[in-house]
Amino acid sequence: MSRVNDVGGQTGFGALRIEADEPPFHADWEARVYALNMALVRGGVYTLDEFRDAVERMAPAEYLAASYYERWLHAIETLVAERKVLGDE
């Protein structure tokens, strides 16, 4: 089954913009999302495969409208909610 993120071989997405000396993060919140994801993976809350699947389960319109780290944040929120990690059980 193909998901919205599976765009291999497709065209029409416009030119790829490459920044010279691009920083790893464009905003502080992106670095925090990255660190949070790594802590949750290392803590055994979920695996990288589960994380990737959560990104790929986003609704197509939401996926296409989101930035890279917005997709990461969505996946983290989804997985944490599914596991009730931070809430009452």
N, C-alpha and C. Protein backbone atom coordinates (compact mmCIF):
# COMPACT_ATOMS: atom_id res chain seq x y z
N MET A 1 0.84 -1.18 0.00
CA MET A 1 0.00 0.00 0.00
C MET A 1 0.89 1.24 0.00
N SER A 2 0.64 2.15 -0.89
CA SER A 2 1.41 3.38 -1.00
C SER A 2 0.83 4.44 -0.07
N ARG A 3 1.71 5.17 0.60
CA ARG A 3 1.32 6.27 1.47
C ARG A 3 1.81 7.57 0.85
N VAL A 4 1.31 8.70 1.37
CA VAL A 4 1.62 10.00 0.79
C VAL A 4 3.12 10.29 0.79
N ASN A 5 3.86 9.75 1.73
CA ASN A 5 5.29 10.00 1.78
C ASN A 5 6.07 9.25 0.71
N ASP A 6 5.46 8.27 0.08
CA ASP A 6 6.14 7.45 -0.92
C ASP A 6 6.04 8.16 -2.28
N VAL A 7 6.97 9.07 -2.54
CA VAL A 7 6.92 9.88 -3.75
C VAL A 7 8.01 9.52 -4.74
N GLY A 8 8.67 8.40 -4.53
CA GLY A 8 9.74 7.98 -5.43
C GLY A 8 9.27 7.93 -6.87
N GLY A 9 10.00 8.59 -7.76
CA GLY A 9 9.68 8.58 -9.18
C GLY A 9 8.62 9.57 -9.60
N GLN A 10 7.99 10.26 -8.64
CA GLN A 10 6.96 11.23 -8.99
C GLN A 10 7.61 12.57 -9.31
N THR A 11 6.91 13.36 -10.11
CA THR A 11 7.39 14.69 -10.47
C THR A 11 6.36 15.74 -10.08
N GLY A 12 6.74 17.00 -10.24
CA GLY A 12 5.79 18.09 -10.01
C GLY A 12 5.88 18.71 -8.63
N PHE A 13 6.94 18.44 -7.89
CA PHE A 13 7.07 19.01 -6.55
C PHE A 13 7.91 20.28 -6.54
N GLY A 14 8.32 20.74 -7.68
CA GLY A 14 9.09 21.97 -7.77
C GLY A 14 10.57 21.72 -7.55
N ALA A 15 11.33 22.80 -7.67
CA ALA A 15 12.78 22.71 -7.53
C ALA A 15 13.17 22.49 -6.08
N LEU A 16 14.26 21.79 -5.88
CA LEU A 16 14.81 21.57 -4.56
C LEU A 16 15.69 22.76 -4.19
N ARG A 17 15.39 23.39 -3.07
CA ARG A 17 16.15 24.55 -2.63
C ARG A 17 17.24 24.09 -1.66
N ILE A 18 18.47 24.32 -2.01
CA ILE A 18 19.60 23.93 -1.16
C ILE A 18 20.25 25.19 -0.64
N GLU A 19 20.36 25.29 0.69
CA GLU A 19 20.98 26.45 1.31
C GLU A 19 22.47 26.19 1.49
N ALA A 20 23.27 27.18 1.16
CA ALA A 20 24.70 27.08 1.42
C ALA A 20 24.92 27.13 2.93
N ASP A 21 25.75 26.25 3.44
CA ASP A 21 26.03 26.20 4.89
C ASP A 21 24.77 26.10 5.73
N GLU A 22 23.83 25.30 5.28
CA GLU A 22 22.57 25.15 5.98
C GLU A 22 22.79 24.60 7.39
N PRO A 23 22.17 25.21 8.40
CA PRO A 23 22.32 24.71 9.77
C PRO A 23 21.49 23.44 9.95
N PRO A 24 21.85 22.62 10.93
CA PRO A 24 21.08 21.39 11.15
C PRO A 24 19.65 21.69 11.59
N PHE A 25 19.44 22.81 12.27
CA PHE A 25 18.11 23.20 12.73
C PHE A 25 17.90 24.67 12.38
N HIS A 26 16.69 25.00 11.94
CA HIS A 26 16.38 26.38 11.59
C HIS A 26 15.78 27.15 12.75
N ALA A 27 15.37 26.43 13.78
CA ALA A 27 14.78 27.06 14.97
C ALA A 27 15.09 26.18 16.18
N ASP A 28 15.11 26.82 17.36
CA ASP A 28 15.42 26.08 18.58
C ASP A 28 14.45 24.93 18.82
N TRP A 29 13.17 25.13 18.49
CA TRP A 29 12.19 24.08 18.76
C TRP A 29 12.50 22.81 17.96
N GLU A 30 13.09 22.95 16.78
CA GLU A 30 13.44 21.77 15.99
C GLU A 30 14.49 20.93 16.71
N ALA A 31 15.47 21.58 17.30
CA ALA A 31 16.50 20.86 18.05
C ALA A 31 15.89 20.15 19.26
N ARG A 32 14.92 20.78 19.89
CA ARG A 32 14.26 20.15 21.05
C ARG A 32 13.44 18.94 20.62
N VAL A 33 12.76 19.03 19.49
CA VAL A 33 12.01 17.89 18.98
C VAL A 33 12.95 16.73 18.65
N TYR A 34 14.08 17.04 18.04
CA TYR A 34 15.08 16.01 17.74
C TYR A 34 15.55 15.34 19.03
N ALA A 35 15.92 16.14 20.04
CA ALA A 35 16.41 15.60 21.31
C ALA A 35 15.34 14.78 22.02
N LEU A 36 14.11 15.25 22.00
CA LEU A 36 13.01 14.51 22.63
C LEU A 36 12.81 13.16 21.97
N ASN A 37 12.85 13.13 20.66
CA ASN A 37 12.69 11.87 19.94
C ASN A 37 13.81 10.89 20.30
N MET A 38 15.04 11.39 20.32
CA MET A 38 16.17 10.51 20.65
C MET A 38 16.04 9.97 22.08
N ALA A 39 15.61 10.81 23.02
CA ALA A 39 15.43 10.37 24.41
C ALA A 39 14.35 9.31 24.51
N LEU A 40 13.25 9.47 23.78
CA LEU A 40 12.16 8.50 23.84
C LEU A 40 12.56 7.17 23.19
N VAL A 41 13.31 7.24 22.10
CA VAL A 41 13.79 6.01 21.45
C VAL A 41 14.78 5.30 22.37
N ARG A 42 15.74 6.03 22.87
CA ARG A 42 16.76 5.43 23.76
C ARG A 42 16.14 4.92 25.05
N GLY A 43 15.06 5.55 25.49
CA GLY A 43 14.36 5.12 26.70
C GLY A 43 13.43 3.94 26.48
N GLY A 44 13.33 3.49 25.24
CA GLY A 44 12.51 2.32 24.95
C GLY A 44 11.02 2.58 24.87
N VAL A 45 10.65 3.84 24.76
CA VAL A 45 9.22 4.16 24.66
C VAL A 45 8.66 3.67 23.33
N TYR A 46 9.45 3.84 22.28
CA TYR A 46 9.09 3.33 20.95
C TYR A 46 10.38 3.13 20.16
N THR A 47 10.25 2.45 19.03
CA THR A 47 11.41 2.20 18.17
C THR A 47 11.43 3.19 17.01
N LEU A 48 12.56 3.26 16.33
CA LEU A 48 12.64 4.11 15.15
C LEU A 48 11.67 3.65 14.07
N ASP A 49 11.45 2.34 13.95
CA ASP A 49 10.47 1.85 12.98
C ASP A 49 9.07 2.33 13.33
N GLU A 50 8.72 2.31 14.61
CA GLU A 50 7.41 2.80 15.03
C GLU A 50 7.30 4.30 14.80
N PHE A 51 8.39 5.02 15.03
CA PHE A 51 8.41 6.46 14.78
C PHE A 51 8.17 6.76 13.31
N ARG A 52 8.91 6.06 12.45
CA ARG A 52 8.74 6.25 11.00
C ARG A 52 7.30 5.96 10.58
N ASP A 53 6.74 4.87 11.10
CA ASP A 53 5.36 4.51 10.77
C ASP A 53 4.38 5.60 11.22
N ALA A 54 4.62 6.19 12.39
CA ALA A 54 3.74 7.25 12.87
C ALA A 54 3.80 8.47 11.95
N VAL A 55 4.98 8.80 11.45
CA VAL A 55 5.10 9.90 10.47
C VAL A 55 4.29 9.55 9.22
N GLU A 56 4.45 8.32 8.76
CA GLU A 56 3.81 7.91 7.51
C GLU A 56 2.29 7.74 7.64
N ARG A 57 1.79 7.64 8.86
CA ARG A 57 0.34 7.51 9.08
C ARG A 57 -0.37 8.86 9.09
N MET A 58 0.38 9.95 8.99
CA MET A 58 -0.27 11.26 8.97
C MET A 58 -1.24 11.35 7.80
N ALA A 59 -2.31 12.11 8.00
CA ALA A 59 -3.25 12.35 6.91
C ALA A 59 -2.50 13.03 5.76
N PRO A 60 -2.76 12.65 4.52
CA PRO A 60 -2.01 13.20 3.39
C PRO A 60 -1.92 14.72 3.35
N ALA A 61 -3.02 15.41 3.54
CA ALA A 61 -2.99 16.88 3.48
C ALA A 61 -2.14 17.46 4.61
N GLU A 62 -2.23 16.86 5.80
CA GLU A 62 -1.44 17.32 6.94
C GLU A 62 0.05 17.05 6.70
N TYR A 63 0.36 15.88 6.16
CA TYR A 63 1.75 15.50 5.87
C TYR A 63 2.37 16.49 4.89
N LEU A 64 1.66 16.79 3.81
CA LEU A 64 2.20 17.67 2.78
C LEU A 64 2.33 19.11 3.24
N ALA A 65 1.51 19.53 4.20
CA ALA A 65 1.55 20.90 4.70
C ALA A 65 2.60 21.09 5.80
N ALA A 66 3.06 20.00 6.39
CA ALA A 66 3.97 20.08 7.54
C ALA A 66 5.43 20.15 7.11
N SER A 67 6.22 20.81 7.94
CA SER A 67 7.67 20.81 7.73
C SER A 67 8.24 19.49 8.26
N TYR A 68 9.50 19.28 8.01
CA TYR A 68 10.17 18.04 8.42
C TYR A 68 10.01 17.79 9.92
N TYR A 69 10.35 18.77 10.75
CA TYR A 69 10.27 18.57 12.18
C TYR A 69 8.84 18.68 12.71
N GLU A 70 7.95 19.32 11.99
CA GLU A 70 6.53 19.27 12.37
C GLU A 70 6.02 17.84 12.23
N ARG A 71 6.48 17.12 11.22
CA ARG A 71 6.13 15.70 11.07
C ARG A 71 6.68 14.89 12.23
N TRP A 72 7.91 15.18 12.62
CA TRP A 72 8.51 14.49 13.77
C TRP A 72 7.68 14.74 15.02
N LEU A 73 7.30 15.99 15.28
CA LEU A 73 6.51 16.33 16.46
C LEU A 73 5.17 15.60 16.43
N HIS A 74 4.54 15.57 15.28
CA HIS A 74 3.28 14.85 15.15
C HIS A 74 3.45 13.38 15.51
N ALA A 75 4.52 12.76 15.02
CA ALA A 75 4.77 11.35 15.31
C ALA A 75 5.00 11.12 16.79
N ILE A 76 5.78 11.99 17.42
CA ILE A 76 6.02 11.87 18.86
C ILE A 76 4.71 11.98 19.63
N GLU A 77 3.92 12.99 19.31
CA GLU A 77 2.63 13.17 19.98
C GLU A 77 1.73 11.96 19.80
N THR A 78 1.71 11.42 18.59
CA THR A 78 0.88 10.25 18.30
C THR A 78 1.32 9.05 19.12
N LEU A 79 2.61 8.76 19.11
CA LEU A 79 3.11 7.59 19.82
C LEU A 79 2.97 7.72 21.33
N VAL A 80 3.23 8.89 21.86
CA VAL A 80 3.09 9.10 23.30
C VAL A 80 1.62 8.95 23.70
N ALA A 81 0.72 9.51 22.92
CA ALA A 81 -0.70 9.37 23.22
C ALA A 81 -1.15 7.92 23.14
N GLU A 82 -0.66 7.19 22.16
CA GLU A 82 -1.02 5.79 22.02
C GLU A 82 -0.52 4.95 23.20
N ARG A 83 0.57 5.35 23.78
CA ARG A 83 1.16 4.59 24.89
C ARG A 83 0.80 5.17 26.26
N LYS A 84 0.13 6.31 26.28
CA LYS A 84 -0.24 6.99 27.52
C LYS A 84 0.97 7.16 28.43
N VAL A 85 2.10 7.52 27.83
CA VAL A 85 3.34 7.64 28.57
C VAL A 85 3.29 8.76 29.61
N LEU A 86 2.72 9.87 29.24
CA LEU A 86 2.76 11.03 30.13
C LEU A 86 1.47 11.25 30.90
N GLY A 87 0.46 10.47 30.67
CA GLY A 87 -0.82 10.69 31.31
C GLY A 87 -1.18 9.60 32.32
N ASP A 88 -2.34 9.76 32.90
CA ASP A 88 -2.85 8.72 33.80
C ASP A 88 -3.30 7.53 33.00
N GLU A 89 -3.06 6.37 33.53
CA GLU A 89 -3.48 5.14 32.83
C GLU A 89 -4.77 4.63 33.40
